[in-house]
């Protein structure tokens, strides 16, 4: 049985100050003081979910995810840690112009969050492709490498979590676009048992899916 604990990073500067993206690269945005407290407080709960170990950790290489992982203080249950670029946030480009970003957000809302490609970055579909490649590779590692733990922790980003689950469960684009991010350091647990994936609880949903499908 394979278990994947998905965890969104704690509160970052970009979550409370959108203008931060104009002066700090997305990958370098730090946690806020509140985010640091959130990550520390989440540690015992995450350790309980992971059990006695061993655990393989895959973490987005962004500062906010790396720092979240550090503050969880998981100790010696971690057998290996891999900084995995395919688990990064959707790329919005380099230093962002606030006026242009508002225009991009409006266009993305009108066009659809999955297919709209940001002018200097990625579409949701691009992120979907890279998480699919990651999933295929990590499943192969678990199957072929007897030393690879069957419990995995992925410290990543909200949209990345939703798209990874979309791939696992073949959710429709309509359903994906109806889902919201989980709260900071709020886990979701994917379990693969006898060839079937399950999710411990659904994502928040801001509207019913137009095609009628559900999580």
C-alpha atoms as a PDB file:
ATOM      1  CA  UNK A   1       0.000   0.000   0.000  1.00  0.00           C
ATOM      2  CA  UNK A   2       1.340   3.420  -0.981  1.00  0.00           C
ATOM      3  CA  UNK A   3       0.395   6.538   0.985  1.00  0.00           C
ATOM      4  CA  UNK A   4       1.083  10.068  -0.248  1.00  0.00           C
ATOM      5  CA  UNK A   5       0.545  12.916   2.193  1.00  0.00           C
ATOM      6  CA  UNK A   6       0.085  16.167   0.262  1.00  0.00           C
ATOM      7  CA  UNK A   7       0.824  19.335   2.216  1.00  0.00           C
ATOM      8  CA  UNK A   8       0.463  22.937   1.149  1.00  0.00           C
ATOM      9  CA  UNK A   9       3.148  25.310   2.448  1.00  0.00           C
ATOM     10  CA  UNK A  10       2.451  27.640   5.376  1.00  0.00           C
ATOM     11  CA  UNK A  11       1.457  31.287   4.905  1.00  0.00           C
ATOM     12  CA  UNK A  12       3.950  33.165   2.737  1.00  0.00           C
ATOM     13  CA  UNK A  13       4.537  36.849   2.127  1.00  0.00           C
ATOM     14  CA  UNK A  14       2.759  36.528  -1.218  1.00  0.00           C
ATOM     15  CA  UNK A  15      -0.398  35.281   0.523  1.00  0.00           C
ATOM     16  CA  UNK A  16      -0.751  38.551   2.446  1.00  0.00           C
ATOM     17  CA  UNK A  17       0.921  41.067   0.093  1.00  0.00           C
ATOM     18  CA  UNK A  18       0.387  40.585  -3.632  1.00  0.00           C
ATOM     19  CA  UNK A  19       2.788  43.450  -4.368  1.00  0.00           C
ATOM     20  CA  UNK A  20       5.573  41.286  -2.960  1.00  0.00           C
ATOM     21  CA  UNK A  21       5.653  39.512  -6.343  1.00  0.00           C
ATOM     22  CA  UNK A  22       6.751  42.845  -7.890  1.00  0.00           C
ATOM     23  CA  UNK A  23       9.978  43.009  -5.887  1.00  0.00           C
ATOM     24  CA  UNK A  24      10.789  39.401  -4.913  1.00  0.00           C
ATOM     25  CA  UNK A  25      10.924  36.403  -7.264  1.00  0.00           C
ATOM     26  CA  UNK A  26       8.120  33.933  -6.608  1.00  0.00           C
ATOM     27  CA  UNK A  27      10.584  31.163  -5.749  1.00  0.00           C
ATOM     28  CA  UNK A  28      12.247  33.377  -3.108  1.00  0.00           C
ATOM     29  CA  UNK A  29       9.154  34.561  -1.221  1.00  0.00           C
ATOM     30  CA  UNK A  30       9.591  33.737   2.491  1.00  0.00           C
ATOM     31  CA  UNK A  31       7.079  32.587   5.045  1.00  0.00           C
ATOM     32  CA  UNK A  32       5.487  35.248   7.212  1.00  0.00           C
ATOM     33  CA  UNK A  33       5.963  35.136  10.982  1.00  0.00           C
ATOM     34  CA  UNK A  34       2.465  33.633  11.150  1.00  0.00           C
ATOM     35  CA  UNK A  35       3.485  31.080   8.527  1.00  0.00           C
ATOM     36  CA  UNK A  36       6.473  30.030  10.590  1.00  0.00           C
ATOM     37  CA  UNK A  37       4.166  29.495  13.572  1.00  0.00           C
ATOM     38  CA  UNK A  38       1.739  27.518  11.383  1.00  0.00           C
ATOM     39  CA  UNK A  39       4.483  25.193  10.159  1.00  0.00           C
ATOM     40  CA  UNK A  40       5.833  24.538  13.658  1.00  0.00           C
ATOM     41  CA  UNK A  41       2.338  23.882  14.981  1.00  0.00           C
ATOM     42  CA  UNK A  42       1.581  21.484  12.111  1.00  0.00           C
ATOM     43  CA  UNK A  43       4.636  19.348  12.825  1.00  0.00           C
ATOM     44  CA  UNK A  44       3.189  16.952  15.432  1.00  0.00           C
ATOM     45  CA  UNK A  45       0.072  16.285  13.339  1.00  0.00           C
ATOM     46  CA  UNK A  46       2.088  15.607  10.206  1.00  0.00           C
ATOM     47  CA  UNK A  47       4.425  13.270  12.115  1.00  0.00           C
ATOM     48  CA  UNK A  48       1.390  11.375  13.421  1.00  0.00           C
ATOM     49  CA  UNK A  49       0.052  10.978   9.864  1.00  0.00           C
ATOM     50  CA  UNK A  50       3.414   9.721   8.627  1.00  0.00           C
ATOM     51  CA  UNK A  51       3.823   7.148  11.383  1.00  0.00           C
ATOM     52  CA  UNK A  52       7.092   5.583  12.418  1.00  0.00           C
ATOM     53  CA  UNK A  53       8.646   5.869   8.964  1.00  0.00           C
ATOM     54  CA  UNK A  54      10.615   5.545   6.864  1.00  0.00           C
ATOM     55  CA  UNK A  55       9.297   8.405   4.730  1.00  0.00           C
ATOM     56  CA  UNK A  56      10.385   9.785   1.361  1.00  0.00           C
ATOM     57  CA  UNK A  57       9.943  13.547   1.132  1.00  0.00           C
ATOM     58  CA  UNK A  58       9.539  15.385  -2.159  1.00  0.00           C
ATOM     59  CA  UNK A  59       9.501  19.145  -1.757  1.00  0.00           C
ATOM     60  CA  UNK A  60       9.073  22.061  -4.135  1.00  0.00           C
ATOM     61  CA  UNK A  61      12.394  23.952  -4.282  1.00  0.00           C
ATOM     62  CA  UNK A  62      10.735  27.288  -3.425  1.00  0.00           C
ATOM     63  CA  UNK A  63      11.834  29.012  -0.211  1.00  0.00           C
ATOM     64  CA  UNK A  64       8.363  28.844   1.365  1.00  0.00           C
ATOM     65  CA  UNK A  65       8.027  25.082   0.872  1.00  0.00           C
ATOM     66  CA  UNK A  66      11.592  24.303   1.944  1.00  0.00           C
ATOM     67  CA  UNK A  67      11.137  26.384   5.099  1.00  0.00           C
ATOM     68  CA  UNK A  68       7.784  24.747   5.843  1.00  0.00           C
ATOM     69  CA  UNK A  69       9.445  21.339   5.669  1.00  0.00           C
ATOM     70  CA  UNK A  70      12.310  22.458   7.895  1.00  0.00           C
ATOM     71  CA  UNK A  71       9.927  23.763  10.571  1.00  0.00           C
ATOM     72  CA  UNK A  72       7.882  20.553  10.591  1.00  0.00           C
ATOM     73  CA  UNK A  73      10.948  19.011  12.274  1.00  0.00           C
ATOM     74  CA  UNK A  74      10.263  15.452  11.140  1.00  0.00           C
ATOM     75  CA  UNK A  75      13.514  14.079  12.473  1.00  0.00           C
ATOM     76  CA  UNK A  76      14.846  10.629  11.703  1.00  0.00           C
ATOM     77  CA  UNK A  77      11.678   9.188  10.126  1.00  0.00           C
ATOM     78  CA  UNK A  78      12.765  10.816   6.837  1.00  0.00           C
ATOM     79  CA  UNK A  79      14.791   8.361   4.776  1.00  0.00           C
ATOM     80  CA  UNK A  80      15.321  10.619   1.769  1.00  0.00           C
ATOM     81  CA  UNK A  81      14.521  14.203   0.774  1.00  0.00           C
ATOM     82  CA  UNK A  82      14.327  15.306  -2.861  1.00  0.00           C
ATOM     83  CA  UNK A  83      13.898  18.905  -4.029  1.00  0.00           C
ATOM     84  CA  UNK A  84      11.514  18.344  -6.938  1.00  0.00           C
ATOM     85  CA  UNK A  85      11.025  21.262  -9.406  1.00  0.00           C
ATOM     86  CA  UNK A  86       7.945  19.602 -10.926  1.00  0.00           C
ATOM     87  CA  UNK A  87       6.124  20.266  -7.646  1.00  0.00           C
ATOM     88  CA  UNK A  88       6.659  24.031  -7.867  1.00  0.00           C
ATOM     89  CA  UNK A  89       3.896  26.640  -8.087  1.00  0.00           C
ATOM     90  CA  UNK A  90       2.346  27.607 -11.427  1.00  0.00           C
ATOM     91  CA  UNK A  91       4.844  29.921 -13.100  1.00  0.00           C
ATOM     92  CA  UNK A  92       3.528  33.480 -13.501  1.00  0.00           C
ATOM     93  CA  UNK A  93       6.762  34.816 -15.026  1.00  0.00           C
ATOM     94  CA  UNK A  94       9.549  36.796 -13.427  1.00  0.00           C
ATOM     95  CA  UNK A  95       9.100  39.926 -11.322  1.00  0.00           C
ATOM     96  CA  UNK A  96       5.457  40.832 -11.859  1.00  0.00           C
ATOM     97  CA  UNK A  97       3.864  44.124 -12.842  1.00  0.00           C
ATOM     98  CA  UNK A  98       0.770  44.638 -10.633  1.00  0.00           C
ATOM     99  CA  UNK A  99      -1.379  46.162 -13.382  1.00  0.00           C
ATOM    100  CA  UNK A 100      -0.543  43.434 -15.874  1.00  0.00           C
ATOM    101  CA  UNK A 101      -1.145  40.709 -13.283  1.00  0.00           C
ATOM    102  CA  UNK A 102      -4.661  41.997 -12.588  1.00  0.00           C
ATOM    103  CA  UNK A 103      -5.355  41.893 -16.329  1.00  0.00           C
ATOM    104  CA  UNK A 104      -3.966  38.350 -16.492  1.00  0.00           C
ATOM    105  CA  UNK A 105      -6.192  37.225 -13.607  1.00  0.00           C
ATOM    106  CA  UNK A 106      -9.298  38.641 -15.275  1.00  0.00           C
ATOM    107  CA  UNK A 107      -8.438  36.996 -18.589  1.00  0.00           C
ATOM    108  CA  UNK A 108      -7.716  33.690 -16.888  1.00  0.00           C
ATOM    109  CA  UNK A 109     -11.077  33.809 -15.100  1.00  0.00           C
ATOM    110  CA  UNK A 110     -12.886  34.475 -18.382  1.00  0.00           C
ATOM    111  CA  UNK A 111     -10.908  31.916 -20.412  1.00  0.00           C
ATOM    112  CA  UNK A 112     -10.656  29.168 -17.788  1.00  0.00           C
ATOM    113  CA  UNK A 113      -7.967  28.482 -15.189  1.00  0.00           C
ATOM    114  CA  UNK A 114      -6.873  25.203 -16.749  1.00  0.00           C
ATOM    115  CA  UNK A 115      -6.194  26.210 -20.345  1.00  0.00           C
ATOM    116  CA  UNK A 116      -5.304  29.901 -20.045  1.00  0.00           C
ATOM    117  CA  UNK A 117      -1.562  30.347 -20.469  1.00  0.00           C
ATOM    118  CA  UNK A 118      -0.243  33.310 -18.511  1.00  0.00           C
ATOM    119  CA  UNK A 119       1.539  35.776 -20.772  1.00  0.00           C
ATOM    120  CA  UNK A 120       4.977  35.094 -19.286  1.00  0.00           C
ATOM    121  CA  UNK A 121       4.332  31.784 -17.578  1.00  0.00           C
ATOM    122  CA  UNK A 122       2.362  28.552 -17.579  1.00  0.00           C
ATOM    123  CA  UNK A 123      -1.194  27.364 -18.011  1.00  0.00           C
ATOM    124  CA  UNK A 124      -2.827  24.986 -15.574  1.00  0.00           C
ATOM    125  CA  UNK A 125      -2.474  22.371 -18.312  1.00  0.00           C
ATOM    126  CA  UNK A 126       1.307  22.865 -18.248  1.00  0.00           C
ATOM    127  CA  UNK A 127       1.359  22.180 -14.508  1.00  0.00           C
ATOM    128  CA  UNK A 128      -0.902  19.177 -15.070  1.00  0.00           C
ATOM    129  CA  UNK A 129       1.640  17.740 -17.524  1.00  0.00           C
ATOM    130  CA  UNK A 130       4.577  18.074 -15.186  1.00  0.00           C
ATOM    131  CA  UNK A 131       2.794  16.584 -12.158  1.00  0.00           C
ATOM    132  CA  UNK A 132       1.737  13.669 -14.387  1.00  0.00           C
ATOM    133  CA  UNK A 133       5.387  13.058 -15.279  1.00  0.00           C
ATOM    134  CA  UNK A 134       6.343  13.231 -11.604  1.00  0.00           C
ATOM    135  CA  UNK A 135       3.611  10.773 -10.605  1.00  0.00           C
ATOM    136  CA  UNK A 136       4.636   8.257 -13.248  1.00  0.00           C
ATOM    137  CA  UNK A 137       8.278   8.463 -12.190  1.00  0.00           C
ATOM    138  CA  UNK A 138       7.659   8.188  -8.470  1.00  0.00           C
ATOM    139  CA  UNK A 139       5.315   5.203  -8.924  1.00  0.00           C
ATOM    140  CA  UNK A 140       8.071   3.512 -10.905  1.00  0.00           C
ATOM    141  CA  UNK A 141      10.601   4.261  -8.144  1.00  0.00           C
ATOM    142  CA  UNK A 142       8.385   2.734  -5.469  1.00  0.00           C
ATOM    143  CA  UNK A 143       7.766  -0.341  -7.617  1.00  0.00           C
ATOM    144  CA  UNK A 144      11.360  -0.927  -8.751  1.00  0.00           C
ATOM    145  CA  UNK A 145      13.418   0.254  -5.755  1.00  0.00           C
ATOM    146  CA  UNK A 146      12.964  -1.988  -2.732  1.00  0.00           C
ATOM    147  CA  UNK A 147      14.562   0.664  -0.503  1.00  0.00           C
ATOM    148  CA  UNK A 148      12.087   3.404  -1.463  1.00  0.00           C
ATOM    149  CA  UNK A 149       9.552   4.051   1.336  1.00  0.00           C
ATOM    150  CA  UNK A 150       5.882   3.426   0.579  1.00  0.00           C
ATOM    151  CA  UNK A 151       4.931   6.499   2.617  1.00  0.00           C
ATOM    152  CA  UNK A 152       5.626   9.788   0.836  1.00  0.00           C
ATOM    153  CA  UNK A 153       5.276  13.401   1.925  1.00  0.00           C
ATOM    154  CA  UNK A 154       4.900  16.044  -0.792  1.00  0.00           C
ATOM    155  CA  UNK A 155       5.363  19.621   0.443  1.00  0.00           C
ATOM    156  CA  UNK A 156       4.043  21.741  -2.367  1.00  0.00           C
ATOM    157  CA  UNK A 157       1.452  24.361  -3.426  1.00  0.00           C
ATOM    158  CA  UNK A 158      -2.336  24.481  -3.482  1.00  0.00           C
ATOM    159  CA  UNK A 159      -2.893  24.444  -7.242  1.00  0.00           C
ATOM    160  CA  UNK A 160      -0.248  21.763  -7.676  1.00  0.00           C
ATOM    161  CA  UNK A 161      -2.028  19.593  -5.098  1.00  0.00           C
ATOM    162  CA  UNK A 162      -5.351  19.973  -6.912  1.00  0.00           C
ATOM    163  CA  UNK A 163      -3.859  19.130 -10.300  1.00  0.00           C
ATOM    164  CA  UNK A 164      -1.990  16.131  -8.950  1.00  0.00           C
ATOM    165  CA  UNK A 165      -5.292  14.772  -7.612  1.00  0.00           C
ATOM    166  CA  UNK A 166      -7.001  15.626 -10.903  1.00  0.00           C
ATOM    167  CA  UNK A 167      -4.488  13.373 -12.635  1.00  0.00           C
ATOM    168  CA  UNK A 168      -4.822  10.548 -10.119  1.00  0.00           C
ATOM    169  CA  UNK A 169      -8.632  10.466 -10.272  1.00  0.00           C
ATOM    170  CA  UNK A 170      -9.096  11.670 -13.893  1.00  0.00           C
ATOM    171  CA  UNK A 171     -11.304  14.534 -12.707  1.00  0.00           C
ATOM    172  CA  UNK A 172     -12.841  16.662 -15.437  1.00  0.00           C
ATOM    173  CA  UNK A 173     -11.540  20.125 -16.239  1.00  0.00           C
ATOM    174  CA  UNK A 174     -14.902  21.549 -15.112  1.00  0.00           C
ATOM    175  CA  UNK A 175     -14.523  19.896 -11.733  1.00  0.00           C
ATOM    176  CA  UNK A 176     -10.912  21.054 -11.321  1.00  0.00           C
ATOM    177  CA  UNK A 177     -11.908  24.645 -12.077  1.00  0.00           C
ATOM    178  CA  UNK A 178     -14.619  24.419  -9.403  1.00  0.00           C
ATOM    179  CA  UNK A 179     -12.184  23.510  -6.615  1.00  0.00           C
ATOM    180  CA  UNK A 180     -10.369  25.829  -4.225  1.00  0.00           C
ATOM    181  CA  UNK A 181      -6.998  25.424  -2.568  1.00  0.00           C
ATOM    182  CA  UNK A 182      -6.802  23.805   0.854  1.00  0.00           C
ATOM    183  CA  UNK A 183      -5.769  25.976   3.767  1.00  0.00           C
ATOM    184  CA  UNK A 184      -2.098  26.393   4.575  1.00  0.00           C
ATOM    185  CA  UNK A 185      -0.438  23.250   6.039  1.00  0.00           C
ATOM    186  CA  UNK A 186      -3.747  21.397   5.623  1.00  0.00           C
ATOM    187  CA  UNK A 187      -2.945  17.864   4.421  1.00  0.00           C
ATOM    188  CA  UNK A 188      -4.705  15.562   2.006  1.00  0.00           C
ATOM    189  CA  UNK A 189      -3.920  11.840   2.020  1.00  0.00           C
ATOM    190  CA  UNK A 190      -3.811   9.760  -1.151  1.00  0.00           C
ATOM    191  CA  UNK A 191      -3.798   5.999  -0.651  1.00  0.00           C
ATOM    192  CA  UNK A 192      -3.143   3.369  -3.303  1.00  0.00           C
ATOM    193  CA  UNK A 193      -4.546  -0.002  -2.219  1.00  0.00           C
ATOM    194  CA  UNK A 194      -5.075  -2.985  -4.506  1.00  0.00           C
ATOM    195  CA  UNK A 195      -4.637  -0.777  -7.551  1.00  0.00           C
ATOM    196  CA  UNK A 196      -7.251   1.819  -6.501  1.00  0.00           C
ATOM    197  CA  UNK A 197      -6.567   5.354  -5.300  1.00  0.00           C
ATOM    198  CA  UNK A 198      -8.612   7.038  -2.567  1.00  0.00           C
ATOM    199  CA  UNK A 199      -8.554  10.535  -1.035  1.00  0.00           C
ATOM    200  CA  UNK A 200      -9.232  11.047   2.647  1.00  0.00           C
ATOM    201  CA  UNK A 201     -11.374  14.184   2.169  1.00  0.00           C
ATOM    202  CA  UNK A 202     -12.453  16.461  -0.664  1.00  0.00           C
ATOM    203  CA  UNK A 203     -11.077  19.864  -1.569  1.00  0.00           C
ATOM    204  CA  UNK A 204     -13.199  22.940  -0.871  1.00  0.00           C
ATOM    205  CA  UNK A 205     -15.509  23.735  -3.776  1.00  0.00           C
ATOM    206  CA  UNK A 206     -16.601  27.277  -4.666  1.00  0.00           C
ATOM    207  CA  UNK A 207     -19.322  26.138  -7.097  1.00  0.00           C
ATOM    208  CA  UNK A 208     -20.876  22.865  -8.287  1.00  0.00           C
ATOM    209  CA  UNK A 209     -19.029  21.497 -11.295  1.00  0.00           C
ATOM    210  CA  UNK A 210     -20.890  22.574 -14.484  1.00  0.00           C
ATOM    211  CA  UNK A 211     -20.667  19.040 -15.892  1.00  0.00           C
ATOM    212  CA  UNK A 212     -22.206  17.530 -12.756  1.00  0.00           C
ATOM    213  CA  UNK A 213     -19.167  15.480 -11.757  1.00  0.00           C
ATOM    214  CA  UNK A 214     -17.994  15.246  -8.158  1.00  0.00           C
ATOM    215  CA  UNK A 215     -14.803  14.441  -6.276  1.00  0.00           C
END
